[in-house]
């Protein structure tokens, strides 16, 4: 028959790193590293970010100065969530981007930061 297990913890104190009188807690628990956080860290806010009102002005300007494609195949889609897409008819630019940008600058005054050509 196998030997019976020891009745008190003092008999087991020298084995497997357990403290005497404490059941199931290791002596070296304080040396363990804290768990690594898996959540993404907070990103810094961009300094050249446009306000929502300015973005709405740019979108309205493009819809006013562009033509919607009559062909049903000319669709654009934007991802708005996981496995979720927003469909719209494609806009056809009737002018070059330089001409649109200069026209936008003369017609509209933005609320926040100055709009650069690359963010237009």
PDB file of N, CA and C in Angstrom:
ATOM      1  N   UNK A   1       0.834  -1.195   0.000  1.00  0.00           N
ATOM      2  CA  UNK A   1       0.000   0.000   0.000  1.00  0.00           C
ATOM      3  C   UNK A   1       0.874   1.252   0.000  1.00  0.00           C
ATOM      4  N   UNK A   2       0.420   2.337  -0.670  1.00  0.00           N
ATOM      5  CA  UNK A   2       1.225   3.584  -0.677  1.00  0.00           C
ATOM      6  C   UNK A   2       1.195   4.249   0.690  1.00  0.00           C
ATOM      7  N   UNK A   3       2.249   4.994   1.017  1.00  0.00           N
ATOM      8  CA  UNK A   3       2.283   5.657   2.336  1.00  0.00           C
ATOM      9  C   UNK A   3       1.232   6.761   2.389  1.00  0.00           C
ATOM     10  N   UNK A   4       0.635   6.967   3.546  1.00  0.00           N
ATOM     11  CA  UNK A   4      -0.393   8.010   3.684  1.00  0.00           C
ATOM     12  C   UNK A   4       0.244   9.397   3.542  1.00  0.00           C
ATOM     13  N   UNK A   5      -0.492  10.367   3.048  1.00  0.00           N
ATOM     14  CA  UNK A   5       0.068  11.715   2.918  1.00  0.00           C
ATOM     15  C   UNK A   5       0.325  12.322   4.282  1.00  0.00           C
ATOM     16  N   UNK A   6       1.320  13.213   4.394  1.00  0.00           N
ATOM     17  CA  UNK A   6       1.621  13.822   5.694  1.00  0.00           C
ATOM     18  C   UNK A   6       0.463  14.703   6.160  1.00  0.00           C
ATOM     19  N   UNK A   7       0.253  14.704   7.445  1.00  0.00           N
ATOM     20  CA  UNK A   7      -0.906  15.392   8.013  1.00  0.00           C
ATOM     21  C   UNK A   7      -0.666  16.898   8.154  1.00  0.00           C
ATOM     22  N   UNK A   8       0.553  17.316   8.462  1.00  0.00           N
ATOM     23  CA  UNK A   8       0.764  18.748   8.669  1.00  0.00           C
ATOM     24  C   UNK A   8       1.694  19.315   7.586  1.00  0.00           C
ATOM     25  N   UNK A   9       1.634  20.614   7.413  1.00  0.00           N
ATOM     26  CA  UNK A   9       2.427  21.269   6.383  1.00  0.00           C
ATOM     27  C   UNK A   9       3.896  21.386   6.768  1.00  0.00           C
ATOM     28  N   UNK A  10       4.201  21.296   8.022  1.00  0.00           N
ATOM     29  CA  UNK A  10       5.590  21.405   8.458  1.00  0.00           C
ATOM     30  C   UNK A  10       6.425  20.281   7.884  1.00  0.00           C
ATOM     31  N   UNK A  11       5.818  19.144   7.655  1.00  0.00           N
ATOM     32  CA  UNK A  11       6.559  18.021   7.102  1.00  0.00           C
ATOM     33  C   UNK A  11       6.842  18.241   5.619  1.00  0.00           C
ATOM     34  N   UNK A  12       6.057  19.061   4.966  1.00  0.00           N
ATOM     35  CA  UNK A  12       6.197  19.260   3.529  1.00  0.00           C
ATOM     36  C   UNK A  12       6.947  20.553   3.216  1.00  0.00           C
ATOM     37  N   UNK A  13       7.358  21.322   4.233  1.00  0.00           N
ATOM     38  CA  UNK A  13       7.923  22.646   4.037  1.00  0.00           C
ATOM     39  C   UNK A  13       9.172  22.632   3.171  1.00  0.00           C
ATOM     40  N   UNK A  14       9.943  21.606   3.208  1.00  0.00           N
ATOM     41  CA  UNK A  14      11.179  21.582   2.447  1.00  0.00           C
ATOM     42  C   UNK A  14      11.003  21.148   1.017  1.00  0.00           C
ATOM     43  N   UNK A  15       9.830  20.739   0.586  1.00  0.00           N
ATOM     44  CA  UNK A  15       9.655  20.213  -0.771  1.00  0.00           C
ATOM     45  C   UNK A  15       8.936  21.221  -1.658  1.00  0.00           C
ATOM     46  N   UNK A  16       9.298  21.275  -2.889  1.00  0.00           N
ATOM     47  CA  UNK A  16       8.688  22.018  -3.998  1.00  0.00           C
ATOM     48  C   UNK A  16       8.481  23.501  -3.712  1.00  0.00           C
ATOM     49  N   UNK A  17       9.298  24.110  -2.876  1.00  0.00           N
ATOM     50  CA  UNK A  17       9.280  25.545  -2.680  1.00  0.00           C
ATOM     51  C   UNK A  17       8.098  26.088  -1.918  1.00  0.00           C
ATOM     52  N   UNK A  18       7.384  25.290  -1.187  1.00  0.00           N
ATOM     53  CA  UNK A  18       6.230  25.781  -0.435  1.00  0.00           C
ATOM     54  C   UNK A  18       6.670  26.291   0.929  1.00  0.00           C
ATOM     55  N   UNK A  19       6.007  27.351   1.370  1.00  0.00           N
ATOM     56  CA  UNK A  19       6.311  27.897   2.689  1.00  0.00           C
ATOM     57  C   UNK A  19       5.647  27.040   3.755  1.00  0.00           C
ATOM     58  N   UNK A  20       6.249  26.987   4.927  1.00  0.00           N
ATOM     59  CA  UNK A  20       5.691  26.198   6.012  1.00  0.00           C
ATOM     60  C   UNK A  20       4.419  26.852   6.526  1.00  0.00           C
ATOM     61  N   UNK A  21       3.379  26.085   6.672  1.00  0.00           N
ATOM     62  CA  UNK A  21       2.138  26.567   7.226  1.00  0.00           C
ATOM     63  C   UNK A  21       1.234  27.253   6.206  1.00  0.00           C
ATOM     64  N   UNK A  22       1.672  27.435   4.980  1.00  0.00           N
ATOM     65  CA  UNK A  22       0.849  28.089   3.959  1.00  0.00           C
ATOM     66  C   UNK A  22       0.571  27.062   2.880  1.00  0.00           C
ATOM     67  N   UNK A  23      -0.673  26.831   2.619  1.00  0.00           N
ATOM     68  CA  UNK A  23      -1.054  25.786   1.686  1.00  0.00           C
ATOM     69  C   UNK A  23      -1.152  26.334   0.269  1.00  0.00           C
ATOM     70  N   UNK A  24      -0.452  25.754  -0.670  1.00  0.00           N
ATOM     71  CA  UNK A  24      -0.593  26.057  -2.077  1.00  0.00           C
ATOM     72  C   UNK A  24       0.082  27.320  -2.562  1.00  0.00           C
ATOM     73  N   UNK A  25       0.718  28.112  -1.737  1.00  0.00           N
ATOM     74  CA  UNK A  25       1.376  29.342  -2.182  1.00  0.00           C
ATOM     75  C   UNK A  25       2.876  29.097  -2.205  1.00  0.00           C
ATOM     76  N   UNK A  26       3.483  29.482  -3.289  1.00  0.00           N
ATOM     77  CA  UNK A  26       4.926  29.272  -3.415  1.00  0.00           C
ATOM     78  C   UNK A  26       5.692  30.414  -2.761  1.00  0.00           C
ATOM     79  N   UNK A  27       6.911  30.123  -2.333  1.00  0.00           N
ATOM     80  CA  UNK A  27       7.752  31.144  -1.726  1.00  0.00           C
ATOM     81  C   UNK A  27       8.183  32.184  -2.757  1.00  0.00           C
ATOM     82  N   UNK A  28       8.320  31.775  -3.993  1.00  0.00           N
ATOM     83  CA  UNK A  28       8.916  32.632  -5.005  1.00  0.00           C
ATOM     84  C   UNK A  28       7.858  33.348  -5.849  1.00  0.00           C
ATOM     85  N   UNK A  29       6.667  33.507  -5.335  1.00  0.00           N
ATOM     86  CA  UNK A  29       5.600  34.145  -6.100  1.00  0.00           C
ATOM     87  C   UNK A  29       5.907  35.625  -6.345  1.00  0.00           C
ATOM     88  N   UNK A  30       6.668  36.272  -5.461  1.00  0.00           N
ATOM     89  CA  UNK A  30       6.967  37.686  -5.625  1.00  0.00           C
ATOM     90  C   UNK A  30       7.943  37.919  -6.775  1.00  0.00           C
ATOM     91  N   UNK A  31       8.647  36.912  -7.234  1.00  0.00           N
ATOM     92  CA  UNK A  31       9.627  37.067  -8.306  1.00  0.00           C
ATOM     93  C   UNK A  31       9.006  36.969  -9.687  1.00  0.00           C
ATOM     94  N   UNK A  32       7.749  36.612  -9.793  1.00  0.00           N
ATOM     95  CA  UNK A  32       7.106  36.491 -11.096  1.00  0.00           C
ATOM     96  C   UNK A  32       6.878  37.864 -11.703  1.00  0.00           C
ATOM     97  N   UNK A  33       6.959  37.946 -13.009  1.00  0.00           N
ATOM     98  CA  UNK A  33       6.724  39.212 -13.708  1.00  0.00           C
ATOM     99  C   UNK A  33       5.230  39.462 -13.834  1.00  0.00           C
ATOM    100  N   UNK A  34       4.831  40.730 -13.833  1.00  0.00           N
ATOM    101  CA  UNK A  34       3.407  41.018 -14.022  1.00  0.00           C
ATOM    102  C   UNK A  34       2.982  40.662 -15.445  1.00  0.00           C
ATOM    103  N   UNK A  35       1.726  40.359 -15.656  1.00  0.00           N
ATOM    104  CA  UNK A  35       1.294  39.970 -17.003  1.00  0.00           C
ATOM    105  C   UNK A  35       1.405  41.142 -17.971  1.00  0.00           C
ATOM    106  N   UNK A  36       1.682  40.823 -19.220  1.00  0.00           N
ATOM    107  CA  UNK A  36       1.823  41.835 -20.258  1.00  0.00           C
ATOM    108  C   UNK A  36       0.428  42.293 -20.688  1.00  0.00           C
ATOM    109  N   UNK A  37       0.164  43.606 -20.719  1.00  0.00           N
ATOM    110  CA  UNK A  37      -1.163  44.060 -21.158  1.00  0.00           C
ATOM    111  C   UNK A  37      -1.331  43.835 -22.659  1.00  0.00           C
ATOM    112  N   UNK A  38      -2.453  43.277 -23.040  1.00  0.00           N
ATOM    113  CA  UNK A  38      -2.696  42.966 -24.438  1.00  0.00           C
ATOM    114  C   UNK A  38      -3.505  44.047 -25.152  1.00  0.00           C
ATOM    115  N   UNK A  39      -4.064  44.983 -24.410  1.00  0.00           N
ATOM    116  CA  UNK A  39      -4.845  46.060 -25.030  1.00  0.00           C
ATOM    117  C   UNK A  39      -3.905  47.046 -25.714  1.00  0.00           C
ATOM    118  N   UNK A  40      -4.300  47.612 -26.859  1.00  0.00           N
ATOM    119  CA  UNK A  40      -3.421  48.584 -27.523  1.00  0.00           C
ATOM    120  C   UNK A  40      -3.290  49.857 -26.698  1.00  0.00           C
ATOM    121  N   UNK A  41      -2.127  50.479 -26.800  1.00  0.00           N
ATOM    122  CA  UNK A  41      -1.912  51.702 -26.044  1.00  0.00           C
ATOM    123  C   UNK A  41      -2.650  52.858 -26.712  1.00  0.00           C
ATOM    124  N   UNK A  42      -2.917  53.894 -25.953  1.00  0.00           N
ATOM    125  CA  UNK A  42      -3.644  55.045 -26.480  1.00  0.00           C
ATOM    126  C   UNK A  42      -2.750  55.814 -27.448  1.00  0.00           C
ATOM    127  N   UNK A  43      -3.310  56.162 -28.603  1.00  0.00           N
ATOM    128  CA  UNK A  43      -2.542  56.901 -29.602  1.00  0.00           C
ATOM    129  C   UNK A  43      -2.683  58.395 -29.366  1.00  0.00           C
ATOM    130  N   UNK A  44      -1.651  59.128 -29.732  1.00  0.00           N
ATOM    131  CA  UNK A  44      -1.680  60.576 -29.569  1.00  0.00           C
ATOM    132  C   UNK A  44      -2.612  61.191 -30.613  1.00  0.00           C
ATOM    133  N   UNK A  45      -3.273  62.269 -30.228  1.00  0.00           N
ATOM    134  CA  UNK A  45      -4.177  62.972 -31.138  1.00  0.00           C
ATOM    135  C   UNK A  45      -3.359  63.741 -32.181  1.00  0.00           C
ATOM    136  N   UNK A  46      -3.777  63.654 -33.444  1.00  0.00           N
ATOM    137  CA  UNK A  46      -3.069  64.368 -34.499  1.00  0.00           C
ATOM    138  C   UNK A  46      -3.300  65.865 -34.370  1.00  0.00           C
ATOM    139  N   UNK A  47      -2.262  66.641 -34.668  1.00  0.00           N
ATOM    140  CA  UNK A  47      -2.377  68.087 -34.561  1.00  0.00           C
ATOM    141  C   UNK A  47      -3.046  68.694 -35.788  1.00  0.00           C
ATOM    142  N   UNK A  48      -2.979  68.008 -36.934  1.00  0.00           N
ATOM    143  CA  UNK A  48      -3.556  68.555 -38.159  1.00  0.00           C
ATOM    144  C   UNK A  48      -4.907  67.923 -38.496  1.00  0.00           C
ATOM    145  N   UNK A  49      -5.558  67.354 -37.514  1.00  0.00           N
ATOM    146  CA  UNK A  49      -6.838  66.700 -37.749  1.00  0.00           C
ATOM    147  C   UNK A  49      -7.942  67.736 -37.964  1.00  0.00           C
ATOM    148  N   UNK A  50      -8.786  67.487 -38.969  1.00  0.00           N
ATOM    149  CA  UNK A  50      -9.881  68.403 -39.263  1.00  0.00           C
ATOM    150  C   UNK A  50     -11.065  68.118 -38.346  1.00  0.00           C
ATOM    151  N   UNK A  51     -11.821  69.152 -38.070  1.00  0.00           N
ATOM    152  CA  UNK A  51     -13.017  68.962 -37.254  1.00  0.00           C
ATOM    153  C   UNK A  51     -14.107  68.311 -38.105  1.00  0.00           C
ATOM    154  N   UNK A  52     -15.147  67.829 -37.458  1.00  0.00           N
ATOM    155  CA  UNK A  52     -16.241  67.156 -38.168  1.00  0.00           C
ATOM    156  C   UNK A  52     -16.962  68.143 -39.081  1.00  0.00           C
ATOM    157  N   UNK A  53     -17.082  69.399 -38.650  1.00  0.00           N
ATOM    158  CA  UNK A  53     -17.737  70.408 -39.481  1.00  0.00           C
ATOM    159  C   UNK A  53     -16.924  70.698 -40.750  1.00  0.00           C
ATOM    160  N   UNK A  54     -15.586  70.716 -40.620  1.00  0.00           N
ATOM    161  CA  UNK A  54     -14.741  70.952 -41.796  1.00  0.00           C
ATOM    162  C   UNK A  54     -14.808  69.785 -42.773  1.00  0.00           C
ATOM    163  N   UNK A  55     -14.836  68.572 -42.259  1.00  0.00           N
ATOM    164  CA  UNK A  55     -14.948  67.395 -43.128  1.00  0.00           C
ATOM    165  C   UNK A  55     -16.283  67.415 -43.864  1.00  0.00           C
ATOM    166  N   UNK A  56     -17.345  67.839 -43.182  1.00  0.00           N
ATOM    167  CA  UNK A  56     -18.657  67.932 -43.824  1.00  0.00           C
ATOM    168  C   UNK A  56     -18.646  68.984 -44.932  1.00  0.00           C
ATOM    169  N   UNK A  57     -17.905  70.087 -44.734  1.00  0.00           N
ATOM    170  CA  UNK A  57     -17.796  71.103 -45.779  1.00  0.00           C
ATOM    171  C   UNK A  57     -17.079  70.562 -47.016  1.00  0.00           C
ATOM    172  N   UNK A  58     -16.005  69.802 -46.805  1.00  0.00           N
ATOM    173  CA  UNK A  58     -15.260  69.222 -47.929  1.00  0.00           C
ATOM    174  C   UNK A  58     -16.131  68.222 -48.683  1.00  0.00           C
ATOM    175  N   UNK A  59     -16.862  67.386 -47.959  1.00  0.00           N
ATOM    176  CA  UNK A  59     -17.743  66.403 -48.611  1.00  0.00           C
ATOM    177  C   UNK A  59     -18.839  67.096 -49.409  1.00  0.00           C
ATOM    178  N   UNK A  60     -19.437  68.132 -48.829  1.00  0.00           N
ATOM    179  CA  UNK A  60     -20.491  68.863 -49.537  1.00  0.00           C
ATOM    180  C   UNK A  60     -19.935  69.554 -50.778  1.00  0.00           C
ATOM    181  N   UNK A  61     -18.713  70.077 -50.686  1.00  0.00           N
ATOM    182  CA  UNK A  61     -18.090  70.716 -51.841  1.00  0.00           C
ATOM    183  C   UNK A  61     -17.879  69.719 -52.974  1.00  0.00           C
ATOM    184  N   UNK A  62     -17.416  68.517 -52.653  1.00  0.00           N
ATOM    185  CA  UNK A  62     -17.204  67.504 -53.689  1.00  0.00           C
ATOM    186  C   UNK A  62     -18.519  67.077 -54.327  1.00  0.00           C
ATOM    187  N   UNK A  63     -19.568  66.932 -53.546  1.00  0.00           N
ATOM    188  CA  UNK A  63     -20.856  66.538 -54.124  1.00  0.00           C
ATOM    189  C   UNK A  63     -21.457  67.655 -54.968  1.00  0.00           C
ATOM    190  N   UNK A  64     -21.195  68.925 -54.597  1.00  0.00           N
ATOM    191  CA  UNK A  64     -21.714  70.037 -55.384  1.00  0.00           C
ATOM    192  C   UNK A  64     -20.962  70.216 -56.703  1.00  0.00           C
ATOM    193  N   UNK A  65     -19.666  69.942 -56.715  1.00  0.00           N
ATOM    194  CA  UNK A  65     -18.834  70.198 -57.895  1.00  0.00           C
ATOM    195  C   UNK A  65     -18.474  68.942 -58.672  1.00  0.00           C
ATOM    196  N   UNK A  66     -19.048  67.828 -58.331  1.00  0.00           N
ATOM    197  CA  UNK A  66     -18.791  66.593 -59.070  1.00  0.00           C
ATOM    198  C   UNK A  66     -20.088  66.032 -59.602  1.00  0.00           C
ATOM    199  N   UNK A  67     -19.988  65.068 -60.507  1.00  0.00           N
ATOM    200  CA  UNK A  67     -21.173  64.436 -61.073  1.00  0.00           C
ATOM    201  C   UNK A  67     -21.230  62.991 -60.601  1.00  0.00           C
ATOM    202  N   UNK A  68     -22.424  62.533 -60.294  1.00  0.00           N
ATOM    203  CA  UNK A  68     -22.606  61.146 -59.889  1.00  0.00           C
ATOM    204  C   UNK A  68     -22.656  60.294 -61.153  1.00  0.00           C
ATOM    205  N   UNK A  69     -21.925  59.207 -61.172  1.00  0.00           N
ATOM    206  CA  UNK A  69     -21.866  58.345 -62.347  1.00  0.00           C
ATOM    207  C   UNK A  69     -23.226  57.682 -62.581  1.00  0.00           C
ATOM    208  N   UNK A  70     -23.722  57.722 -63.828  1.00  0.00           N
ATOM    209  CA  UNK A  70     -25.020  57.103 -64.100  1.00  0.00           C
ATOM    210  C   UNK A  70     -24.948  55.579 -64.228  1.00  0.00           C
ATOM    211  N   UNK A  71     -23.757  55.049 -64.419  1.00  0.00           N
ATOM    212  CA  UNK A  71     -23.609  53.602 -64.609  1.00  0.00           C
ATOM    213  C   UNK A  71     -23.766  52.893 -63.261  1.00  0.00           C
ATOM    214  N   UNK A  72     -24.565  51.836 -63.244  1.00  0.00           N
ATOM    215  CA  UNK A  72     -24.801  51.129 -61.983  1.00  0.00           C
ATOM    216  C   UNK A  72     -23.585  50.323 -61.538  1.00  0.00           C
ATOM    217  N   UNK A  73     -22.665  50.068 -62.456  1.00  0.00           N
ATOM    218  CA  UNK A  73     -21.457  49.330 -62.071  1.00  0.00           C
ATOM    219  C   UNK A  73     -20.448  50.199 -61.322  1.00  0.00           C
ATOM    220  N   UNK A  74     -20.558  51.510 -61.483  1.00  0.00           N
ATOM    221  CA  UNK A  74     -19.606  52.416 -60.835  1.00  0.00           C
ATOM    222  C   UNK A  74     -20.018  52.632 -59.387  1.00  0.00           C
ATOM    223  N   UNK A  75     -19.685  51.699 -58.571  1.00  0.00           N
ATOM    224  CA  UNK A  75     -19.989  51.796 -57.143  1.00  0.00           C
ATOM    225  C   UNK A  75     -18.695  51.835 -56.360  1.00  0.00           C
ATOM    226  N   UNK A  76     -18.740  52.571 -55.293  1.00  0.00           N
ATOM    227  CA  UNK A  76     -17.623  52.592 -54.356  1.00  0.00           C
ATOM    228  C   UNK A  76     -18.143  52.077 -53.030  1.00  0.00           C
ATOM    229  N   UNK A  77     -17.273  51.482 -52.267  1.00  0.00           N
ATOM    230  CA  UNK A  77     -17.700  50.983 -50.968  1.00  0.00           C
ATOM    231  C   UNK A  77     -16.655  51.337 -49.922  1.00  0.00           C
ATOM    232  N   UNK A  78     -17.148  51.559 -48.726  1.00  0.00           N
ATOM    233  CA  UNK A  78     -16.302  51.930 -47.608  1.00  0.00           C
ATOM    234  C   UNK A  78     -16.605  50.987 -46.460  1.00  0.00           C
ATOM    235  N   UNK A  79     -15.563  50.531 -45.809  1.00  0.00           N
ATOM    236  CA  UNK A  79     -15.744  49.632 -44.676  1.00  0.00           C
ATOM    237  C   UNK A  79     -16.077  50.441 -43.437  1.00  0.00           C
ATOM    238  N   UNK A  80     -17.211  50.139 -42.813  1.00  0.00           N
ATOM    239  CA  UNK A  80     -17.640  50.861 -41.621  1.00  0.00           C
ATOM    240  C   UNK A  80     -17.607  49.995 -40.369  1.00  0.00           C
ATOM    241  N   UNK A  81     -17.317  48.722 -40.525  1.00  0.00           N
ATOM    242  CA  UNK A  81     -17.238  47.821 -39.382  1.00  0.00           C
ATOM    243  C   UNK A  81     -16.780  46.463 -39.846  1.00  0.00           C
ATOM    244  N   UNK A  82     -16.603  45.535 -38.926  1.00  0.00           N
ATOM    245  CA  UNK A  82     -16.210  44.193 -39.335  1.00  0.00           C
ATOM    246  C   UNK A  82     -17.321  43.544 -40.151  1.00  0.00           C
ATOM    247  N   UNK A  83     -16.981  43.188 -41.357  1.00  0.00           N
ATOM    248  CA  UNK A  83     -17.908  42.529 -42.286  1.00  0.00           C
ATOM    249  C   UNK A  83     -19.132  43.406 -42.578  1.00  0.00           C
ATOM    250  N   UNK A  84     -18.935  44.741 -42.586  1.00  0.00           N
ATOM    251  CA  UNK A  84     -20.019  45.683 -42.823  1.00  0.00           C
ATOM    252  C   UNK A  84     -19.508  46.782 -43.754  1.00  0.00           C
ATOM    253  N   UNK A  85     -20.179  46.959 -44.907  1.00  0.00           N
ATOM    254  CA  UNK A  85     -19.730  47.884 -45.934  1.00  0.00           C
ATOM    255  C   UNK A  85     -20.840  48.861 -46.262  1.00  0.00           C
ATOM    256  N   UNK A  86     -20.458  50.081 -46.636  1.00  0.00           N
ATOM    257  CA  UNK A  86     -21.393  51.104 -47.061  1.00  0.00           C
ATOM    258  C   UNK A  86     -21.174  51.334 -48.556  1.00  0.00           C
ATOM    259  N   UNK A  87     -22.231  51.169 -49.365  1.00  0.00           N
ATOM    260  CA  UNK A  87     -22.143  51.312 -50.816  1.00  0.00           C
ATOM    261  C   UNK A  87     -22.692  52.667 -51.243  1.00  0.00           C
ATOM    262  N   UNK A  88     -22.080  53.251 -52.294  1.00  0.00           N
ATOM    263  CA  UNK A  88     -22.550  54.512 -52.854  1.00  0.00           C
ATOM    264  C   UNK A  88     -22.155  54.564 -54.317  1.00  0.00           C
ATOM    265  N   UNK A  89     -22.838  55.405 -55.082  1.00  0.00           N
ATOM    266  CA  UNK A  89     -22.461  55.615 -56.473  1.00  0.00           C
ATOM    267  C   UNK A  89     -21.184  56.435 -56.525  1.00  0.00           C
ATOM    268  N   UNK A  90     -20.359  56.172 -57.522  1.00  0.00           N
ATOM    269  CA  UNK A  90     -19.077  56.858 -57.654  1.00  0.00           C
ATOM    270  C   UNK A  90     -19.283  58.293 -58.121  1.00  0.00           C
ATOM    271  N   UNK A  91     -18.439  59.183 -57.623  1.00  0.00           N
ATOM    272  CA  UNK A  91     -18.431  60.569 -58.074  1.00  0.00           C
ATOM    273  C   UNK A  91     -17.392  60.721 -59.181  1.00  0.00           C
ATOM    274  N   UNK A  92     -17.745  61.466 -60.217  1.00  0.00           N
ATOM    275  CA  UNK A  92     -16.811  61.732 -61.308  1.00  0.00           C
ATOM    276  C   UNK A  92     -16.362  63.173 -61.162  1.00  0.00           C
ATOM    277  N   UNK A  93     -15.057  63.368 -61.052  1.00  0.00           N
ATOM    278  CA  UNK A  93     -14.519  64.724 -60.925  1.00  0.00           C
ATOM    279  C   UNK A  93     -14.511  65.376 -62.297  1.00  0.00           C
ATOM    280  N   UNK A  94     -15.134  66.546 -62.393  1.00  0.00           N
ATOM    281  CA  UNK A  94     -15.212  67.261 -63.664  1.00  0.00           C
ATOM    282  C   UNK A  94     -14.035  68.221 -63.846  1.00  0.00           C
ATOM    283  N   UNK A  95     -13.234  68.430 -62.807  1.00  0.00           N
ATOM    284  CA  UNK A  95     -12.061  69.303 -62.864  1.00  0.00           C
ATOM    285  C   UNK A  95     -10.876  68.564 -62.272  1.00  0.00           C
ATOM    286  N   UNK A  96      -9.705  69.142 -62.411  1.00  0.00           N
ATOM    287  CA  UNK A  96      -8.528  68.553 -61.781  1.00  0.00           C
ATOM    288  C   UNK A  96      -8.562  68.846 -60.286  1.00  0.00           C
ATOM    289  N   UNK A  97      -7.779  68.117 -59.528  1.00  0.00           N
ATOM    290  CA  UNK A  97      -7.732  68.327 -58.084  1.00  0.00           C
ATOM    291  C   UNK A  97      -7.150  69.695 -57.745  1.00  0.00           C
ATOM    292  N   UNK A  98      -6.194  70.179 -58.551  1.00  0.00           N
ATOM    293  CA  UNK A  98      -5.641  71.514 -58.302  1.00  0.00           C
ATOM    294  C   UNK A  98      -6.717  72.583 -58.444  1.00  0.00           C
ATOM    295  N   UNK A  99      -7.524  72.467 -59.494  1.00  0.00           N
ATOM    296  CA  UNK A  99      -8.591  73.454 -59.704  1.00  0.00           C
ATOM    297  C   UNK A  99      -9.640  73.367 -58.601  1.00  0.00           C
ATOM    298  N   UNK A 100      -9.987  72.149 -58.180  1.00  0.00           N
ATOM    299  CA  UNK A 100     -10.968  71.983 -57.096  1.00  0.00           C
ATOM    300  C   UNK A 100     -10.439  72.549 -55.782  1.00  0.00           C
ATOM    301  N   UNK A 101      -9.152  72.311 -55.514  1.00  0.00           N
ATOM    302  CA  UNK A 101      -8.572  72.789 -54.257  1.00  0.00           C
ATOM    303  C   UNK A 101      -8.519  74.313 -54.218  1.00  0.00           C
ATOM    304  N   UNK A 102      -8.118  74.938 -55.319  1.00  0.00           N
ATOM    305  CA  UNK A 102      -8.062  76.403 -55.332  1.00  0.00           C
ATOM    306  C   UNK A 102      -9.467  77.002 -55.250  1.00  0.00           C
ATOM    307  N   UNK A 103     -10.444  76.369 -55.894  1.00  0.00           N
ATOM    308  CA  UNK A 103     -11.829  76.839 -55.805  1.00  0.00           C
ATOM    309  C   UNK A 103     -12.369  76.678 -54.381  1.00  0.00           C
ATOM    310  N   UNK A 104     -12.011  75.582 -53.723  1.00  0.00           N
ATOM    311  CA  UNK A 104     -12.452  75.359 -52.344  1.00  0.00           C
ATOM    312  C   UNK A 104     -11.871  76.405 -51.412  1.00  0.00           C
ATOM    313  N   UNK A 105     -10.604  76.751 -51.623  1.00  0.00           N
ATOM    314  CA  UNK A 105      -9.970  77.742 -50.746  1.00  0.00           C
ATOM    315  C   UNK A 105     -10.596  79.117 -50.904  1.00  0.00           C
ATOM    316  N   UNK A 106     -11.026  79.467 -52.113  1.00  0.00           N
ATOM    317  CA  UNK A 106     -11.621  80.787 -52.302  1.00  0.00           C
ATOM    318  C   UNK A 106     -13.057  80.838 -51.795  1.00  0.00           C
ATOM    319  N   UNK A 107     -13.775  79.729 -51.867  1.00  0.00           N
ATOM    320  CA  UNK A 107     -15.193  79.730 -51.485  1.00  0.00           C
ATOM    321  C   UNK A 107     -15.437  79.472 -50.008  1.00  0.00           C
ATOM    322  N   UNK A 108     -14.653  78.622 -49.383  1.00  0.00           N
ATOM    323  CA  UNK A 108     -14.945  78.167 -48.022  1.00  0.00           C
ATOM    324  C   UNK A 108     -13.872  78.612 -47.041  1.00  0.00           C
ATOM    325  N   UNK A 109     -14.329  78.940 -45.843  1.00  0.00           N
ATOM    326  CA  UNK A 109     -13.428  79.238 -44.741  1.00  0.00           C
ATOM    327  C   UNK A 109     -13.658  78.152 -43.697  1.00  0.00           C
ATOM    328  N   UNK A 110     -12.595  77.451 -43.323  1.00  0.00           N
ATOM    329  CA  UNK A 110     -12.714  76.339 -42.384  1.00  0.00           C
ATOM    330  C   UNK A 110     -12.666  76.846 -40.952  1.00  0.00           C
ATOM    331  N   UNK A 111     -13.263  76.059 -40.060  1.00  0.00           N
ATOM    332  CA  UNK A 111     -13.361  76.441 -38.648  1.00  0.00           C
ATOM    333  C   UNK A 111     -12.021  76.292 -37.917  1.00  0.00           C
ATOM    334  N   UNK A 112     -11.384  75.152 -38.135  1.00  0.00           N
ATOM    335  CA  UNK A 112     -10.207  74.811 -37.325  1.00  0.00           C
ATOM    336  C   UNK A 112      -8.901  75.062 -38.048  1.00  0.00           C
ATOM    337  N   UNK A 113      -8.147  74.007 -38.263  1.00  0.00           N
ATOM    338  CA  UNK A 113      -6.803  74.107 -38.825  1.00  0.00           C
ATOM    339  C   UNK A 113      -6.864  74.401 -40.317  1.00  0.00           C
ATOM    340  N   UNK A 114      -5.755  74.850 -40.858  1.00  0.00           N
ATOM    341  CA  UNK A 114      -5.672  75.125 -42.291  1.00  0.00           C
ATOM    342  C   UNK A 114      -5.625  73.798 -43.039  1.00  0.00           C
ATOM    343  N   UNK A 115      -6.316  73.745 -44.150  1.00  0.00           N
ATOM    344  CA  UNK A 115      -6.413  72.528 -44.943  1.00  0.00           C
ATOM    345  C   UNK A 115      -5.268  72.487 -45.953  1.00  0.00           C
ATOM    346  N   UNK A 116      -4.480  71.424 -45.925  1.00  0.00           N
ATOM    347  CA  UNK A 116      -3.397  71.290 -46.887  1.00  0.00           C
ATOM    348  C   UNK A 116      -3.900  70.524 -48.108  1.00  0.00           C
ATOM    349  N   UNK A 117      -3.122  70.602 -49.190  1.00  0.00           N
ATOM    350  CA  UNK A 117      -3.518  69.944 -50.435  1.00  0.00           C
ATOM    351  C   UNK A 117      -3.542  68.424 -50.262  1.00  0.00           C
ATOM    352  N   UNK A 118      -2.615  67.884 -49.492  1.00  0.00           N
ATOM    353  CA  UNK A 118      -2.548  66.426 -49.326  1.00  0.00           C
ATOM    354  C   UNK A 118      -3.703  65.881 -48.504  1.00  0.00           C
ATOM    355  N   UNK A 119      -4.262  66.671 -47.582  1.00  0.00           N
ATOM    356  CA  UNK A 119      -5.390  66.192 -46.799  1.00  0.00           C
ATOM    357  C   UNK A 119      -6.742  66.533 -47.440  1.00  0.00           C
ATOM    358  N   UNK A 120      -6.727  67.283 -48.554  1.00  0.00           N
ATOM    359  CA  UNK A 120      -7.935  67.635 -49.279  1.00  0.00           C
ATOM    360  C   UNK A 120      -8.373  66.405 -50.036  1.00  0.00           C
TER     361      UNK A 120
END
